[in-house]
Amino acid sequence: MLRALEDHVEAAERYEAFLEEGVRADEAMRRSGLGYAAADIYAYLTSKVKGRAAQRPKQVPWRK
């Protein structure tokens, strides 16, 4: 039972860190005005999932 509680606490801590990282990334994106085109991300991830080599997408300005 103790191990199950420890596992749950560790999972909750990982989730919290994941959310915090997302908030920091969002803040950085808003400050820089740079992001990634959804189509470029989709193509990149599709290639990676299929085991193909893929170049990481380049950041593009998202503000006008």
PDB file of N, CA and C in Angstrom:
ATOM      1  N   MET A   1       0.816  -1.191   0.000  1.00  0.00           N
ATOM      2  CA  MET A   1       0.000   0.000   0.000  1.00  0.00           C
ATOM      3  C   MET A   1       0.863   1.261   0.000  1.00  0.00           C
ATOM      4  N   LEU A   2       1.925   1.240   0.780  1.00  0.00           N
ATOM      5  CA  LEU A   2       2.810   2.394   0.840  1.00  0.00           C
ATOM      6  C   LEU A   2       3.439   2.659  -0.531  1.00  0.00           C
ATOM      7  N   ARG A   3       3.843   1.582  -1.196  1.00  0.00           N
ATOM      8  CA  ARG A   3       4.451   1.729  -2.530  1.00  0.00           C
ATOM      9  C   ARG A   3       3.448   2.357  -3.505  1.00  0.00           C
ATOM     10  N   ALA A   4       2.190   1.985  -3.420  1.00  0.00           N
ATOM     11  CA  ALA A   4       1.163   2.542  -4.305  1.00  0.00           C
ATOM     12  C   ALA A   4       1.011   4.042  -4.049  1.00  0.00           C
ATOM     13  N   LEU A   5       1.053   4.445  -2.794  1.00  0.00           N
ATOM     14  CA  LEU A   5       0.966   5.869  -2.461  1.00  0.00           C
ATOM     15  C   LEU A   5       2.185   6.629  -2.971  1.00  0.00           C
ATOM     16  N   GLU A   6       3.370   6.038  -2.814  1.00  0.00           N
ATOM     17  CA  GLU A   6       4.589   6.665  -3.316  1.00  0.00           C
ATOM     18  C   GLU A   6       4.513   6.843  -4.827  1.00  0.00           C
ATOM     19  N   ASP A   7       4.041   5.802  -5.511  1.00  0.00           N
ATOM     20  CA  ASP A   7       3.906   5.880  -6.972  1.00  0.00           C
ATOM     21  C   ASP A   7       2.940   6.989  -7.375  1.00  0.00           C
ATOM     22  N   HIS A   8       1.842   7.115  -6.639  1.00  0.00           N
ATOM     23  CA  HIS A   8       0.851   8.140  -6.950  1.00  0.00           C
ATOM     24  C   HIS A   8       1.431   9.540  -6.727  1.00  0.00           C
ATOM     25  N   VAL A   9       2.165   9.719  -5.653  1.00  0.00           N
ATOM     26  CA  VAL A   9       2.782  11.018  -5.361  1.00  0.00           C
ATOM     27  C   VAL A   9       3.803  11.359  -6.442  1.00  0.00           C
ATOM     28  N   GLU A  10       4.616  10.393  -6.842  1.00  0.00           N
ATOM     29  CA  GLU A  10       5.610  10.627  -7.886  1.00  0.00           C
ATOM     30  C   GLU A  10       4.938  11.000  -9.205  1.00  0.00           C
ATOM     31  N   ALA A  11       3.850  10.316  -9.540  1.00  0.00           N
ATOM     32  CA  ALA A  11       3.122  10.629 -10.773  1.00  0.00           C
ATOM     33  C   ALA A  11       2.546  12.044 -10.707  1.00  0.00           C
ATOM     34  N   ALA A  12       2.005  12.421  -9.559  1.00  0.00           N
ATOM     35  CA  ALA A  12       1.450  13.762  -9.395  1.00  0.00           C
ATOM     36  C   ALA A  12       2.546  14.819  -9.521  1.00  0.00           C
ATOM     37  N   GLU A  13       3.721  14.542  -8.984  1.00  0.00           N
ATOM     38  CA  GLU A  13       4.837  15.477  -9.079  1.00  0.00           C
ATOM     39  C   GLU A  13       5.319  15.615 -10.522  1.00  0.00           C
ATOM     40  N   ARG A  14       5.368  14.503 -11.254  1.00  0.00           N
ATOM     41  CA  ARG A  14       5.762  14.562 -12.669  1.00  0.00           C
ATOM     42  C   ARG A  14       4.742  15.370 -13.470  1.00  0.00           C
ATOM     43  N   TYR A  15       3.472  15.183 -13.170  1.00  0.00           N
ATOM     44  CA  TYR A  15       2.420  15.913 -13.865  1.00  0.00           C
ATOM     45  C   TYR A  15       2.522  17.409 -13.583  1.00  0.00           C
ATOM     46  N   GLU A  16       2.764  17.762 -12.350  1.00  0.00           N
ATOM     47  CA  GLU A  16       2.924  19.165 -11.966  1.00  0.00           C
ATOM     48  C   GLU A  16       4.114  19.785 -12.698  1.00  0.00           C
ATOM     49  N   ALA A  17       5.228  19.066 -12.775  1.00  0.00           N
ATOM     50  CA  ALA A  17       6.404  19.562 -13.493  1.00  0.00           C
ATOM     51  C   ALA A  17       6.093  19.737 -14.982  1.00  0.00           C
ATOM     52  N   PHE A  18       5.327  18.802 -15.548  1.00  0.00           N
ATOM     53  CA  PHE A  18       4.918  18.885 -16.942  1.00  0.00           C
ATOM     54  C   PHE A  18       4.102  20.157 -17.188  1.00  0.00           C
ATOM     55  N   LEU A  19       3.149  20.435 -16.311  1.00  0.00           N
ATOM     56  CA  LEU A  19       2.329  21.636 -16.451  1.00  0.00           C
ATOM     57  C   LEU A  19       3.163  22.905 -16.318  1.00  0.00           C
ATOM     58  N   GLU A  20       4.080  22.924 -15.364  1.00  0.00           N
ATOM     59  CA  GLU A  20       4.936  24.095 -15.165  1.00  0.00           C
ATOM     60  C   GLU A  20       5.810  24.348 -16.389  1.00  0.00           C
ATOM     61  N   GLU A  21       6.320  23.276 -16.980  1.00  0.00           N
ATOM     62  CA  GLU A  21       7.138  23.416 -18.187  1.00  0.00           C
ATOM     63  C   GLU A  21       6.299  24.003 -19.326  1.00  0.00           C
ATOM     64  N   GLY A  22       5.061  23.577 -19.436  1.00  0.00           N
ATOM     65  CA  GLY A  22       4.172  24.102 -20.467  1.00  0.00           C
ATOM     66  C   GLY A  22       3.896  25.585 -20.280  1.00  0.00           C
ATOM     67  N   VAL A  23       3.695  25.998 -19.050  1.00  0.00           N
ATOM     68  CA  VAL A  23       3.456  27.417 -18.758  1.00  0.00           C
ATOM     69  C   VAL A  23       4.689  28.231 -19.126  1.00  0.00           C
ATOM     70  N   ARG A  24       5.883  27.748 -18.767  1.00  0.00           N
ATOM     71  CA  ARG A  24       7.117  28.462 -19.109  1.00  0.00           C
ATOM     72  C   ARG A  24       7.287  28.557 -20.622  1.00  0.00           C
ATOM     73  N   ALA A  25       6.994  27.476 -21.339  1.00  0.00           N
ATOM     74  CA  ALA A  25       7.118  27.484 -22.796  1.00  0.00           C
ATOM     75  C   ALA A  25       6.130  28.471 -23.414  1.00  0.00           C
ATOM     76  N   ASP A  26       4.920  28.511 -22.891  1.00  0.00           N
ATOM     77  CA  ASP A  26       3.917  29.444 -23.402  1.00  0.00           C
ATOM     78  C   ASP A  26       4.360  30.882 -23.168  1.00  0.00           C
ATOM     79  N   GLU A  27       4.886  31.169 -21.994  1.00  0.00           N
ATOM     80  CA  GLU A  27       5.363  32.518 -21.690  1.00  0.00           C
ATOM     81  C   GLU A  27       6.515  32.911 -22.622  1.00  0.00           C
ATOM     82  N   ALA A  28       7.427  31.975 -22.868  1.00  0.00           N
ATOM     83  CA  ALA A  28       8.560  32.250 -23.760  1.00  0.00           C
ATOM     84  C   ALA A  28       8.066  32.516 -25.179  1.00  0.00           C
ATOM     85  N   MET A  29       7.081  31.756 -25.623  1.00  0.00           N
ATOM     86  CA  MET A  29       6.532  31.944 -26.959  1.00  0.00           C
ATOM     87  C   MET A  29       5.867  33.311 -27.078  1.00  0.00           C
ATOM     88  N   ARG A  30       5.136  33.700 -26.053  1.00  0.00           N
ATOM     89  CA  ARG A  30       4.464  35.006 -26.084  1.00  0.00           C
ATOM     90  C   ARG A  30       5.477  36.152 -26.088  1.00  0.00           C
ATOM     91  N   ARG A  31       6.564  35.999 -25.323  1.00  0.00           N
ATOM     92  CA  ARG A  31       7.597  37.042 -25.291  1.00  0.00           C
ATOM     93  C   ARG A  31       8.322  37.147 -26.635  1.00  0.00           C
ATOM     94  N   SER A  32       8.669  36.014 -27.221  1.00  0.00           N
ATOM     95  CA  SER A  32       9.470  36.021 -28.445  1.00  0.00           C
ATOM     96  C   SER A  32       8.650  36.271 -29.701  1.00  0.00           C
ATOM     97  N   GLY A  33       7.365  35.917 -29.667  1.00  0.00           N
ATOM     98  CA  GLY A  33       6.547  36.041 -30.864  1.00  0.00           C
ATOM     99  C   GLY A  33       6.822  34.954 -31.882  1.00  0.00           C
ATOM    100  N   LEU A  34       7.568  33.920 -31.471  1.00  0.00           N
ATOM    101  CA  LEU A  34       7.905  32.814 -32.370  1.00  0.00           C
ATOM    102  C   LEU A  34       7.205  31.543 -31.917  1.00  0.00           C
ATOM    103  N   GLY A  35       6.834  30.746 -32.894  1.00  0.00           N
ATOM    104  CA  GLY A  35       6.207  29.463 -32.609  1.00  0.00           C
ATOM    105  C   GLY A  35       6.431  28.526 -33.784  1.00  0.00           C
ATOM    106  N   TYR A  36       5.652  27.470 -33.858  1.00  0.00           N
ATOM    107  CA  TYR A  36       5.784  26.485 -34.927  1.00  0.00           C
ATOM    108  C   TYR A  36       4.462  26.352 -35.663  1.00  0.00           C
ATOM    109  N   ALA A  37       4.541  26.252 -36.987  1.00  0.00           N
ATOM    110  CA  ALA A  37       3.336  26.048 -37.781  1.00  0.00           C
ATOM    111  C   ALA A  37       2.807  24.638 -37.509  1.00  0.00           C
ATOM    112  N   ALA A  38       1.503  24.537 -37.299  1.00  0.00           N
ATOM    113  CA  ALA A  38       0.892  23.243 -36.973  1.00  0.00           C
ATOM    114  C   ALA A  38       1.184  22.201 -38.052  1.00  0.00           C
ATOM    115  N   ALA A  39       1.136  22.597 -39.319  1.00  0.00           N
ATOM    116  CA  ALA A  39       1.388  21.648 -40.406  1.00  0.00           C
ATOM    117  C   ALA A  39       2.813  21.114 -40.347  1.00  0.00           C
ATOM    118  N   ASP A  40       3.767  21.979 -39.974  1.00  0.00           N
ATOM    119  CA  ASP A  40       5.164  21.539 -39.857  1.00  0.00           C
ATOM    120  C   ASP A  40       5.331  20.547 -38.709  1.00  0.00           C
ATOM    121  N   ILE A  41       4.664  20.804 -37.600  1.00  0.00           N
ATOM    122  CA  ILE A  41       4.725  19.901 -36.450  1.00  0.00           C
ATOM    123  C   ILE A  41       4.113  18.555 -36.813  1.00  0.00           C
ATOM    124  N   TYR A  42       2.968  18.592 -37.479  1.00  0.00           N
ATOM    125  CA  TYR A  42       2.284  17.357 -37.882  1.00  0.00           C
ATOM    126  C   TYR A  42       3.182  16.520 -38.787  1.00  0.00           C
ATOM    127  N   ALA A  43       3.800  17.159 -39.777  1.00  0.00           N
ATOM    128  CA  ALA A  43       4.682  16.437 -40.701  1.00  0.00           C
ATOM    129  C   ALA A  43       5.881  15.850 -39.960  1.00  0.00           C
ATOM    130  N   TYR A  44       6.456  16.619 -39.050  1.00  0.00           N
ATOM    131  CA  TYR A  44       7.603  16.154 -38.269  1.00  0.00           C
ATOM    132  C   TYR A  44       7.239  14.933 -37.423  1.00  0.00           C
ATOM    133  N   LEU A  45       6.143  15.043 -36.690  1.00  0.00           N
ATOM    134  CA  LEU A  45       5.743  13.936 -35.815  1.00  0.00           C
ATOM    135  C   LEU A  45       5.336  12.705 -36.614  1.00  0.00           C
ATOM    136  N   THR A  46       4.678  12.900 -37.736  1.00  0.00           N
ATOM    137  CA  THR A  46       4.296  11.772 -38.586  1.00  0.00           C
ATOM    138  C   THR A  46       5.532  11.018 -39.062  1.00  0.00           C
ATOM    139  N   SER A  47       6.549  11.745 -39.492  1.00  0.00           N
ATOM    140  CA  SER A  47       7.793  11.111 -39.929  1.00  0.00           C
ATOM    141  C   SER A  47       8.461  10.358 -38.788  1.00  0.00           C
ATOM    142  N   LYS A  48       8.532  10.982 -37.627  1.00  0.00           N
ATOM    143  CA  LYS A  48       9.178  10.340 -36.474  1.00  0.00           C
ATOM    144  C   LYS A  48       8.448   9.065 -36.063  1.00  0.00           C
ATOM    145  N   VAL A  49       7.118   9.112 -36.046  1.00  0.00           N
ATOM    146  CA  VAL A  49       6.341   7.934 -35.651  1.00  0.00           C
ATOM    147  C   VAL A  49       6.564   6.789 -36.630  1.00  0.00           C
ATOM    148  N   LYS A  50       6.746   7.128 -37.903  1.00  0.00           N
ATOM    149  CA  LYS A  50       6.965   6.102 -38.921  1.00  0.00           C
ATOM    150  C   LYS A  50       8.423   5.645 -38.970  1.00  0.00           C
ATOM    151  N   GLY A  51       9.256   6.207 -38.086  1.00  0.00           N
ATOM    152  CA  GLY A  51      10.657   5.792 -38.006  1.00  0.00           C
ATOM    153  C   GLY A  51      11.538   6.424 -39.062  1.00  0.00           C
ATOM    154  N   ARG A  52      11.072   7.463 -39.698  1.00  0.00           N
ATOM    155  CA  ARG A  52      11.845   8.142 -40.736  1.00  0.00           C
ATOM    156  C   ARG A  52      12.647   9.287 -40.129  1.00  0.00           C
ATOM    157  N   ALA A  53      13.723   9.631 -40.816  1.00  0.00           N
ATOM    158  CA  ALA A  53      14.503  10.794 -40.397  1.00  0.00           C
ATOM    159  C   ALA A  53      13.681  12.043 -40.693  1.00  0.00           C
ATOM    160  N   ALA A  54      13.792  13.022 -39.824  1.00  0.00           N
ATOM    161  CA  ALA A  54      13.033  14.251 -40.019  1.00  0.00           C
ATOM    162  C   ALA A  54      13.800  15.418 -39.427  1.00  0.00           C
ATOM    163  N   GLN A  55      13.779  16.533 -40.143  1.00  0.00           N
ATOM    164  CA  GLN A  55      14.377  17.749 -39.601  1.00  0.00           C
ATOM    165  C   GLN A  55      13.362  18.423 -38.696  1.00  0.00           C
ATOM    166  N   ARG A  56      13.871  18.955 -37.605  1.00  0.00           N
ATOM    167  CA  ARG A  56      12.976  19.668 -36.684  1.00  0.00           C
ATOM    168  C   ARG A  56      12.427  20.904 -37.377  1.00  0.00           C
ATOM    169  N   PRO A  57      11.173  21.221 -37.136  1.00  0.00           N
ATOM    170  CA  PRO A  57      10.588  22.419 -37.749  1.00  0.00           C
ATOM    171  C   PRO A  57      11.288  23.684 -37.265  1.00  0.00           C
ATOM    172  N   LYS A  58      11.265  24.677 -38.112  1.00  0.00           N
ATOM    173  CA  LYS A  58      11.842  25.971 -37.755  1.00  0.00           C
ATOM    174  C   LYS A  58      10.762  26.857 -37.138  1.00  0.00           C
ATOM    175  N   GLN A  59      11.187  27.688 -36.215  1.00  0.00           N
ATOM    176  CA  GLN A  59      10.251  28.622 -35.603  1.00  0.00           C
ATOM    177  C   GLN A  59       9.893  29.707 -36.602  1.00  0.00           C
ATOM    178  N   VAL A  60       8.654  30.150 -36.542  1.00  0.00           N
ATOM    179  CA  VAL A  60       8.171  31.219 -37.413  1.00  0.00           C
ATOM    180  C   VAL A  60       7.434  32.241 -36.566  1.00  0.00           C
ATOM    181  N   PRO A  61       7.400  33.494 -36.998  1.00  0.00           N
ATOM    182  CA  PRO A  61       6.628  34.493 -36.250  1.00  0.00           C
ATOM    183  C   PRO A  61       5.141  34.181 -36.341  1.00  0.00           C
ATOM    184  N   TRP A  62       4.455  34.291 -35.239  1.00  0.00           N
ATOM    185  CA  TRP A  62       3.019  34.025 -35.249  1.00  0.00           C
ATOM    186  C   TRP A  62       2.213  35.297 -35.017  1.00  0.00           C
ATOM    187  N   ARG A  63       2.892  36.359 -34.633  1.00  0.00           N
ATOM    188  CA  ARG A  63       2.218  37.653 -34.442  1.00  0.00           C
ATOM    189  C   ARG A  63       2.284  38.457 -35.714  1.00  0.00           C
ATOM    190  N   LYS A  64       1.275  39.259 -35.921  1.00  0.00           N
ATOM    191  CA  LYS A  64       1.298  40.155 -37.090  1.00  0.00           C
ATOM    192  C   LYS A  64       1.530  41.564 -36.647  1.00  0.00           C
TER     193      LYS A  64
END
